[in-house]
Amino acid sequence: MFFFFRSLTEKFFFLNAYVPQMMDRNYSG
């Protein structure tokens, strides 16, 4: 359960760091 939670938080932080860049690239481009 802890491993699942950790992987979930890692995915969340990865998306939280990656998605705004993708959105910014789409709107600026």
PDB file of N, CA and C in Angstrom:
ATOM      1  N   MET A   1       0.829  -1.198   0.000  1.00  0.00           N
ATOM      2  CA  MET A   1       0.000   0.000   0.000  1.00  0.00           C
ATOM      3  C   MET A   1       0.873   1.262   0.000  1.00  0.00           C
ATOM      4  N   PHE A   2       1.909   1.241   0.790  1.00  0.00           N
ATOM      5  CA  PHE A   2       2.805   2.395   0.837  1.00  0.00           C
ATOM      6  C   PHE A   2       3.494   2.604  -0.510  1.00  0.00           C
ATOM      7  N   PHE A   3       3.888   1.498  -1.139  1.00  0.00           N
ATOM      8  CA  PHE A   3       4.549   1.594  -2.442  1.00  0.00           C
ATOM      9  C   PHE A   3       3.585   2.165  -3.481  1.00  0.00           C
ATOM     10  N   PHE A   4       2.334   1.722  -3.432  1.00  0.00           N
ATOM     11  CA  PHE A   4       1.320   2.226  -4.359  1.00  0.00           C
ATOM     12  C   PHE A   4       1.105   3.727  -4.147  1.00  0.00           C
ATOM     13  N   PHE A   5       1.033   4.128  -2.883  1.00  0.00           N
ATOM     14  CA  PHE A   5       0.831   5.540  -2.564  1.00  0.00           C
ATOM     15  C   PHE A   5       2.019   6.373  -3.031  1.00  0.00           C
ATOM     16  N   ARG A   6       3.223   5.832  -2.858  1.00  0.00           N
ATOM     17  CA  ARG A   6       4.416   6.560  -3.268  1.00  0.00           C
ATOM     18  C   ARG A   6       4.464   6.716  -4.781  1.00  0.00           C
ATOM     19  N   SER A   7       4.128   5.651  -5.498  1.00  0.00           N
ATOM     20  CA  SER A   7       4.133   5.728  -6.963  1.00  0.00           C
ATOM     21  C   SER A   7       3.063   6.703  -7.438  1.00  0.00           C
ATOM     22  N   LEU A   8       1.935   6.740  -6.735  1.00  0.00           N
ATOM     23  CA  LEU A   8       0.855   7.652  -7.100  1.00  0.00           C
ATOM     24  C   LEU A   8       1.285   9.102  -6.887  1.00  0.00           C
ATOM     25  N   THR A   9       1.948   9.380  -5.778  1.00  0.00           N
ATOM     26  CA  THR A   9       2.408  10.743  -5.519  1.00  0.00           C
ATOM     27  C   THR A   9       3.498  11.136  -6.510  1.00  0.00           C
ATOM     28  N   GLU A  10       4.364  10.183  -6.883  1.00  0.00           N
ATOM     29  CA  GLU A  10       5.395  10.480  -7.876  1.00  0.00           C
ATOM     30  C   GLU A  10       4.756  10.824  -9.214  1.00  0.00           C
ATOM     31  N   LYS A  11       3.718  10.060  -9.590  1.00  0.00           N
ATOM     32  CA  LYS A  11       3.005  10.368 -10.834  1.00  0.00           C
ATOM     33  C   LYS A  11       2.367  11.749 -10.752  1.00  0.00           C
ATOM     34  N   PHE A  12       1.766  12.070  -9.603  1.00  0.00           N
ATOM     35  CA  PHE A  12       1.102  13.357  -9.433  1.00  0.00           C
ATOM     36  C   PHE A  12       2.100  14.509  -9.559  1.00  0.00           C
ATOM     37  N   PHE A  13       3.252  14.394  -8.901  1.00  0.00           N
ATOM     38  CA  PHE A  13       4.239  15.462  -8.968  1.00  0.00           C
ATOM     39  C   PHE A  13       4.829  15.572 -10.365  1.00  0.00           C
ATOM     40  N   PHE A  14       4.987  14.424 -11.045  1.00  0.00           N
ATOM     41  CA  PHE A  14       5.497  14.446 -12.416  1.00  0.00           C
ATOM     42  C   PHE A  14       4.522  15.181 -13.330  1.00  0.00           C
ATOM     43  N   LEU A  15       3.238  14.857 -13.202  1.00  0.00           N
ATOM     44  CA  LEU A  15       2.222  15.531 -14.017  1.00  0.00           C
ATOM     45  C   LEU A  15       2.136  17.008 -13.652  1.00  0.00           C
ATOM     46  N   ASN A  16       2.230  17.299 -12.361  1.00  0.00           N
ATOM     47  CA  ASN A  16       2.136  18.676 -11.897  1.00  0.00           C
ATOM     48  C   ASN A  16       3.290  19.519 -12.435  1.00  0.00           C
ATOM     49  N   ALA A  17       4.434  18.880 -12.704  1.00  0.00           N
ATOM     50  CA  ALA A  17       5.577  19.593 -13.261  1.00  0.00           C
ATOM     51  C   ALA A  17       5.534  19.611 -14.786  1.00  0.00           C
ATOM     52  N   TYR A  18       4.945  18.584 -15.391  1.00  0.00           N
ATOM     53  CA  TYR A  18       5.003  18.433 -16.844  1.00  0.00           C
ATOM     54  C   TYR A  18       3.838  19.112 -17.557  1.00  0.00           C
ATOM     55  N   VAL A  19       2.634  18.977 -17.003  1.00  0.00           N
ATOM     56  CA  VAL A  19       1.433  19.485 -17.679  1.00  0.00           C
ATOM     57  C   VAL A  19       1.464  21.005 -17.908  1.00  0.00           C
ATOM     58  N   PRO A  20       1.815  21.838 -16.917  1.00  0.00           N
ATOM     59  CA  PRO A  20       1.851  23.285 -17.160  1.00  0.00           C
ATOM     60  C   PRO A  20       2.796  23.674 -18.295  1.00  0.00           C
ATOM     61  N   GLN A  21       3.924  22.982 -18.449  1.00  0.00           N
ATOM     62  CA  GLN A  21       4.842  23.267 -19.545  1.00  0.00           C
ATOM     63  C   GLN A  21       4.173  22.958 -20.881  1.00  0.00           C
ATOM     64  N   MET A  22       3.459  21.838 -20.950  1.00  0.00           N
ATOM     65  CA  MET A  22       2.777  21.444 -22.169  1.00  0.00           C
ATOM     66  C   MET A  22       1.666  22.447 -22.503  1.00  0.00           C
ATOM     67  N   MET A  23       0.918  22.860 -21.486  1.00  0.00           N
ATOM     68  CA  MET A  23      -0.150  23.834 -21.694  1.00  0.00           C
ATOM     69  C   MET A  23       0.443  25.168 -22.148  1.00  0.00           C
ATOM     70  N   ASP A  24       1.523  25.591 -21.511  1.00  0.00           N
ATOM     71  CA  ASP A  24       2.163  26.850 -21.851  1.00  0.00           C
ATOM     72  C   ASP A  24       2.688  26.810 -23.280  1.00  0.00           C
ATOM     73  N   ARG A  25       3.242  25.675 -23.683  1.00  0.00           N
ATOM     74  CA  ARG A  25       3.765  25.513 -25.035  1.00  0.00           C
ATOM     75  C   ARG A  25       2.622  25.577 -26.051  1.00  0.00           C
ATOM     76  N   ASN A  26       1.487  24.976 -25.704  1.00  0.00           N
ATOM     77  CA  ASN A  26       0.340  24.987 -26.615  1.00  0.00           C
ATOM     78  C   ASN A  26      -0.226  26.400 -26.769  1.00  0.00           C
ATOM     79  N   TYR A  27      -0.341  27.128 -25.679  1.00  0.00           N
ATOM     80  CA  TYR A  27      -0.938  28.456 -25.745  1.00  0.00           C
ATOM     81  C   TYR A  27       0.015  29.474 -26.382  1.00  0.00           C
ATOM     82  N   SER A  28       1.304  29.333 -26.119  1.00  0.00           N
ATOM     83  CA  SER A  28       2.267  30.276 -26.686  1.00  0.00           C
ATOM     84  C   SER A  28       2.492  29.994 -28.173  1.00  0.00           C
ATOM     85  N   GLY A  29       2.422  28.712 -28.558  1.00  0.00           N
ATOM     86  CA  GLY A  29       2.651  28.321 -29.942  1.00  0.00           C
ATOM     87  C   GLY A  29       1.423  28.552 -30.780  1.00  0.00           C
TER      88      GLY A  29
END
